[in-house]
N, C-alpha and C. Protein backbone atom coordinates (compact mmCIF):
# COMPACT_ATOMS: atom_id res chain seq x y z
N MET A 1 -4.52 6.50 -9.61
CA MET A 1 -3.85 7.07 -8.51
C MET A 1 -4.25 6.39 -7.20
N LEU A 2 -5.52 6.07 -7.11
CA LEU A 2 -5.95 5.40 -5.92
C LEU A 2 -5.19 3.98 -5.62
N LEU A 3 -5.08 3.31 -6.82
CA LEU A 3 -4.38 2.03 -6.80
C LEU A 3 -2.87 2.23 -6.31
N ALA A 4 -2.21 3.19 -6.86
CA ALA A 4 -0.92 3.45 -6.45
C ALA A 4 -0.80 3.82 -4.90
N LEU A 5 -1.71 4.61 -4.47
CA LEU A 5 -1.77 4.85 -3.05
C LEU A 5 -2.09 3.73 -2.17
N THR A 6 -3.03 2.76 -2.68
CA THR A 6 -3.30 1.62 -1.95
C THR A 6 -2.09 0.69 -1.95
N SER A 7 -1.29 0.62 -3.03
CA SER A 7 -0.15 -0.16 -3.00
C SER A 7 0.98 0.40 -2.04
N ALA A 8 1.06 1.63 -1.85
CA ALA A 8 2.05 2.20 -1.02
C ALA A 8 1.61 1.99 0.48
N ILE A 9 0.38 1.98 0.65
CA ILE A 9 -0.19 1.63 2.00
C ILE A 9 0.04 0.21 2.48
N VAL A 10 -0.17 -0.69 1.53
CA VAL A 10 -0.05 -2.13 1.88
C VAL A 10 1.34 -2.64 1.75
N TYR A 11 2.10 -2.17 0.81
CA TYR A 11 3.47 -2.62 0.53
C TYR A 11 4.38 -1.51 0.74
N PRO A 12 4.48 -0.85 1.83
CA PRO A 12 5.60 0.25 1.95
C PRO A 12 6.98 -0.31 1.96
N ASP A 13 7.19 -1.51 2.59
CA ASP A 13 8.50 -2.11 2.56
C ASP A 13 9.07 -2.49 1.22
N LYS A 14 8.14 -3.05 0.39
CA LYS A 14 8.47 -3.38 -1.07
C LYS A 14 8.83 -2.15 -1.76
N LEU A 15 8.06 -1.11 -1.60
CA LEU A 15 8.27 0.23 -2.29
C LEU A 15 9.63 0.77 -1.94
N LEU A 16 9.97 0.85 -0.53
CA LEU A 16 11.15 1.39 -0.13
C LEU A 16 12.40 0.50 -0.52
N ALA A 17 12.16 -0.81 -0.59
CA ALA A 17 13.26 -1.75 -1.01
C ALA A 17 13.48 -1.42 -2.58
N TRP A 18 12.49 -1.25 -3.35
CA TRP A 18 12.66 -0.85 -4.81
C TRP A 18 13.40 0.42 -4.93
N LEU A 19 12.97 1.41 -4.17
CA LEU A 19 13.53 2.78 -4.19
C LEU A 19 15.08 2.66 -3.61
N SER A 20 15.40 1.68 -2.63
CA SER A 20 16.70 1.58 -2.18
C SER A 20 17.65 1.00 -3.24
N ASP A 21 17.14 0.11 -3.97
CA ASP A 21 17.94 -0.54 -5.13
C ASP A 21 18.24 0.57 -6.16
N ARG A 22 17.43 1.48 -6.28
CA ARG A 22 17.67 2.53 -7.36
C ARG A 22 18.48 3.61 -6.86
N THR A 23 18.51 4.03 -5.54
CA THR A 23 19.24 5.16 -5.14
C THR A 23 20.38 4.70 -4.29
N GLY A 24 20.51 3.42 -3.89
CA GLY A 24 21.63 3.01 -3.01
C GLY A 24 21.52 3.52 -1.50
N ARG A 25 20.32 4.10 -1.19
CA ARG A 25 20.13 4.62 0.22
C ARG A 25 19.58 3.53 1.05
N CYS A 26 19.89 3.47 2.38
CA CYS A 26 19.34 2.45 3.27
C CYS A 26 18.06 3.13 3.99
N PHE A 27 17.03 2.40 3.94
CA PHE A 27 15.65 2.93 4.63
C PHE A 27 15.34 2.05 5.86
N THR A 28 14.99 2.56 6.92
CA THR A 28 14.62 1.89 8.14
C THR A 28 13.19 1.81 8.29
N ARG A 29 12.76 1.16 9.37
CA ARG A 29 11.35 0.97 9.69
C ARG A 29 10.66 2.31 9.91
N TRP A 30 11.31 3.27 10.29
CA TRP A 30 10.70 4.60 10.48
C TRP A 30 10.33 5.15 9.09
N HIS A 31 11.16 4.89 8.09
CA HIS A 31 10.69 5.29 6.70
C HIS A 31 9.46 4.60 6.28
N VAL A 32 9.43 3.30 6.69
CA VAL A 32 8.26 2.52 6.22
C VAL A 32 7.01 3.19 6.91
N LEU A 33 7.14 3.48 8.19
CA LEU A 33 5.96 4.08 8.90
C LEU A 33 5.59 5.35 8.36
N ILE A 34 6.53 6.15 8.12
CA ILE A 34 6.31 7.51 7.52
C ILE A 34 5.69 7.42 6.16
N LEU A 35 6.13 6.49 5.30
CA LEU A 35 5.48 6.33 3.92
C LEU A 35 4.03 5.92 4.09
N ALA A 36 3.78 4.91 4.96
CA ALA A 36 2.40 4.44 5.16
C ALA A 36 1.60 5.61 5.64
N LEU A 37 1.97 6.33 6.66
CA LEU A 37 1.23 7.46 7.12
C LEU A 37 0.94 8.53 5.99
N VAL A 38 1.99 8.91 5.37
CA VAL A 38 1.79 9.93 4.22
C VAL A 38 0.90 9.37 3.15
N SER A 39 0.85 8.13 2.80
CA SER A 39 0.10 7.47 1.79
C SER A 39 -1.40 7.61 2.24
N ILE A 40 -1.56 7.21 3.57
CA ILE A 40 -2.97 7.30 4.10
C ILE A 40 -3.47 8.68 4.05
N GLY A 41 -2.66 9.76 4.39
CA GLY A 41 -3.16 11.04 4.30
C GLY A 41 -3.49 11.48 2.81
N LEU A 42 -2.59 11.08 1.87
CA LEU A 42 -2.86 11.42 0.49
C LEU A 42 -3.99 10.64 0.00
N MET A 43 -4.30 9.45 0.47
CA MET A 43 -5.56 8.69 0.10
C MET A 43 -6.84 9.48 0.60
N ILE A 44 -6.74 10.04 1.80
CA ILE A 44 -7.91 10.78 2.41
C ILE A 44 -8.12 12.03 1.49
N ILE A 45 -7.02 12.67 1.24
CA ILE A 45 -7.20 13.96 0.41
C ILE A 45 -7.75 13.60 -0.96
N ALA A 46 -7.27 12.56 -1.59
CA ALA A 46 -7.65 12.15 -2.99
C ALA A 46 -9.16 11.81 -2.88
N ILE A 47 -9.60 11.07 -1.92
CA ILE A 47 -11.11 10.75 -1.80
C ILE A 47 -11.87 11.98 -1.62
N ILE A 48 -11.41 12.99 -0.84
CA ILE A 48 -12.13 14.21 -0.60
C ILE A 48 -12.29 14.98 -2.02
N PHE A 49 -11.22 15.01 -2.72
CA PHE A 49 -11.32 15.70 -4.04
C PHE A 49 -12.04 14.89 -4.99
N PHE A 50 -12.03 13.55 -5.06
CA PHE A 50 -12.63 12.69 -6.07
C PHE A 50 -14.24 12.54 -5.83
N LEU A 51 -14.66 12.61 -4.63
CA LEU A 51 -16.06 12.46 -4.38
C LEU A 51 -17.02 13.39 -5.14
N PRO A 52 -16.78 14.64 -5.21
CA PRO A 52 -17.70 15.46 -6.02
C PRO A 52 -17.65 15.13 -7.53
N VAL A 53 -16.55 14.69 -8.03
CA VAL A 53 -16.27 14.49 -9.51
C VAL A 53 -16.76 13.12 -9.88
N CYS A 54 -16.48 12.11 -9.10
CA CYS A 54 -16.88 10.85 -9.43
C CYS A 54 -18.00 10.37 -8.55
N TYR A 55 -19.31 10.51 -9.12
CA TYR A 55 -20.47 10.24 -8.22
C TYR A 55 -20.57 8.80 -7.83
N LYS A 56 -19.93 7.92 -8.65
CA LYS A 56 -20.13 6.45 -8.29
C LYS A 56 -19.06 6.06 -7.15
N LEU A 57 -18.12 6.88 -6.92
CA LEU A 57 -17.24 6.54 -5.86
C LEU A 57 -17.83 6.80 -4.48
N ASP A 58 -17.62 5.73 -3.69
CA ASP A 58 -18.20 5.81 -2.34
C ASP A 58 -16.99 6.01 -1.29
N ARG A 59 -17.43 6.43 -0.19
CA ARG A 59 -16.44 6.59 0.89
C ARG A 59 -15.85 5.25 1.36
N ILE A 60 -16.50 4.26 1.10
CA ILE A 60 -15.84 2.93 1.64
C ILE A 60 -14.87 2.37 0.60
N THR A 61 -14.92 2.86 -0.59
CA THR A 61 -14.08 2.29 -1.67
C THR A 61 -12.62 2.16 -1.25
N PRO A 62 -11.98 3.16 -0.70
CA PRO A 62 -10.51 3.11 -0.35
C PRO A 62 -10.36 1.98 0.72
N PHE A 63 -11.23 1.88 1.62
CA PHE A 63 -11.19 0.80 2.58
C PHE A 63 -11.29 -0.60 1.97
N LEU A 64 -12.04 -0.71 1.02
CA LEU A 64 -12.24 -2.13 0.36
C LEU A 64 -10.92 -2.33 -0.45
N MET A 65 -10.42 -1.32 -1.11
CA MET A 65 -9.17 -1.44 -1.89
C MET A 65 -7.99 -1.95 -1.04
N VAL A 66 -7.86 -1.24 0.09
CA VAL A 66 -6.70 -1.53 1.06
C VAL A 66 -6.91 -2.91 1.65
N GLY A 67 -8.16 -3.18 2.08
CA GLY A 67 -8.56 -4.52 2.69
C GLY A 67 -8.35 -5.65 1.73
N LEU A 68 -8.64 -5.48 0.42
CA LEU A 68 -8.50 -6.49 -0.61
C LEU A 68 -6.99 -6.79 -0.82
N LEU A 69 -6.29 -5.69 -0.99
CA LEU A 69 -4.85 -5.88 -1.23
C LEU A 69 -4.07 -6.50 -0.05
N ALA A 70 -4.63 -6.07 1.25
CA ALA A 70 -3.93 -6.59 2.40
C ALA A 70 -4.22 -8.07 2.62
N ALA A 71 -5.47 -8.45 2.15
CA ALA A 71 -5.84 -9.87 2.32
C ALA A 71 -5.05 -10.75 1.22
N MET A 72 -4.80 -10.17 0.06
CA MET A 72 -3.97 -10.78 -0.95
C MET A 72 -2.52 -10.92 -0.44
N ARG A 73 -2.07 -9.91 0.25
CA ARG A 73 -0.72 -9.97 0.81
C ARG A 73 -0.56 -11.00 1.83
N PHE A 74 -1.66 -11.09 2.72
CA PHE A 74 -1.73 -12.10 3.82
C PHE A 74 -1.80 -13.44 3.21
N GLY A 75 -2.60 -13.67 2.22
CA GLY A 75 -2.66 -15.02 1.55
C GLY A 75 -1.37 -15.40 0.96
N GLY A 76 -0.74 -14.49 0.33
CA GLY A 76 0.67 -14.77 -0.11
C GLY A 76 1.65 -15.17 0.87
N TRP A 77 1.64 -14.47 1.93
CA TRP A 77 2.57 -14.75 3.11
C TRP A 77 2.19 -16.19 3.78
N LEU A 78 0.84 -16.40 3.89
CA LEU A 78 0.47 -17.66 4.44
C LEU A 78 0.88 -18.85 3.53
N THR A 79 0.61 -18.69 2.23
CA THR A 79 1.01 -19.66 1.31
C THR A 79 2.48 -19.93 1.30
N ALA A 80 3.28 -18.85 1.34
CA ALA A 80 4.74 -19.15 1.45
C ALA A 80 5.16 -19.87 2.81
N ARG A 81 4.43 -19.50 3.85
CA ARG A 81 4.84 -20.22 5.06
C ARG A 81 4.35 -21.70 5.08
N ILE A 82 3.25 -21.96 4.52
CA ILE A 82 2.68 -23.27 4.61
C ILE A 82 3.50 -24.26 3.62
N PHE A 83 3.83 -23.74 2.45
CA PHE A 83 4.49 -24.56 1.34
C PHE A 83 5.98 -24.41 1.34
N GLY A 84 6.48 -23.47 2.18
CA GLY A 84 8.01 -23.26 2.31
C GLY A 84 8.58 -22.58 1.11
N PHE A 85 7.84 -21.82 0.42
CA PHE A 85 8.31 -20.96 -0.70
C PHE A 85 9.32 -19.92 -0.15
N ASP A 86 10.38 -19.51 -0.86
CA ASP A 86 11.18 -18.31 -0.46
C ASP A 86 10.47 -17.06 -0.99
N ASP A 87 10.25 -16.17 0.06
CA ASP A 87 9.47 -14.99 -0.28
C ASP A 87 10.40 -13.96 -1.01
N ASP A 88 11.65 -14.04 -1.06
CA ASP A 88 12.42 -13.00 -1.68
C ASP A 88 12.59 -13.31 -3.25
């Protein structure tokens, strides 16, 4: 669940593009912003509920997950720009 929320935070545009392909609906930048904010809120709620149950889970874990996935996305973007790969 945390990984899915992390993906929705870092890749909201890809998630909405996938959803748009399936539904035929057009999503704008406001939808991307709303999806990211809702995902962040759900991540906070999930961590609050998971902390008493999973004693090894730390409060910093979601930040590390989002940061690592964001760094991977930035690395992919940078590689595509340097070597001229098509991102689509």
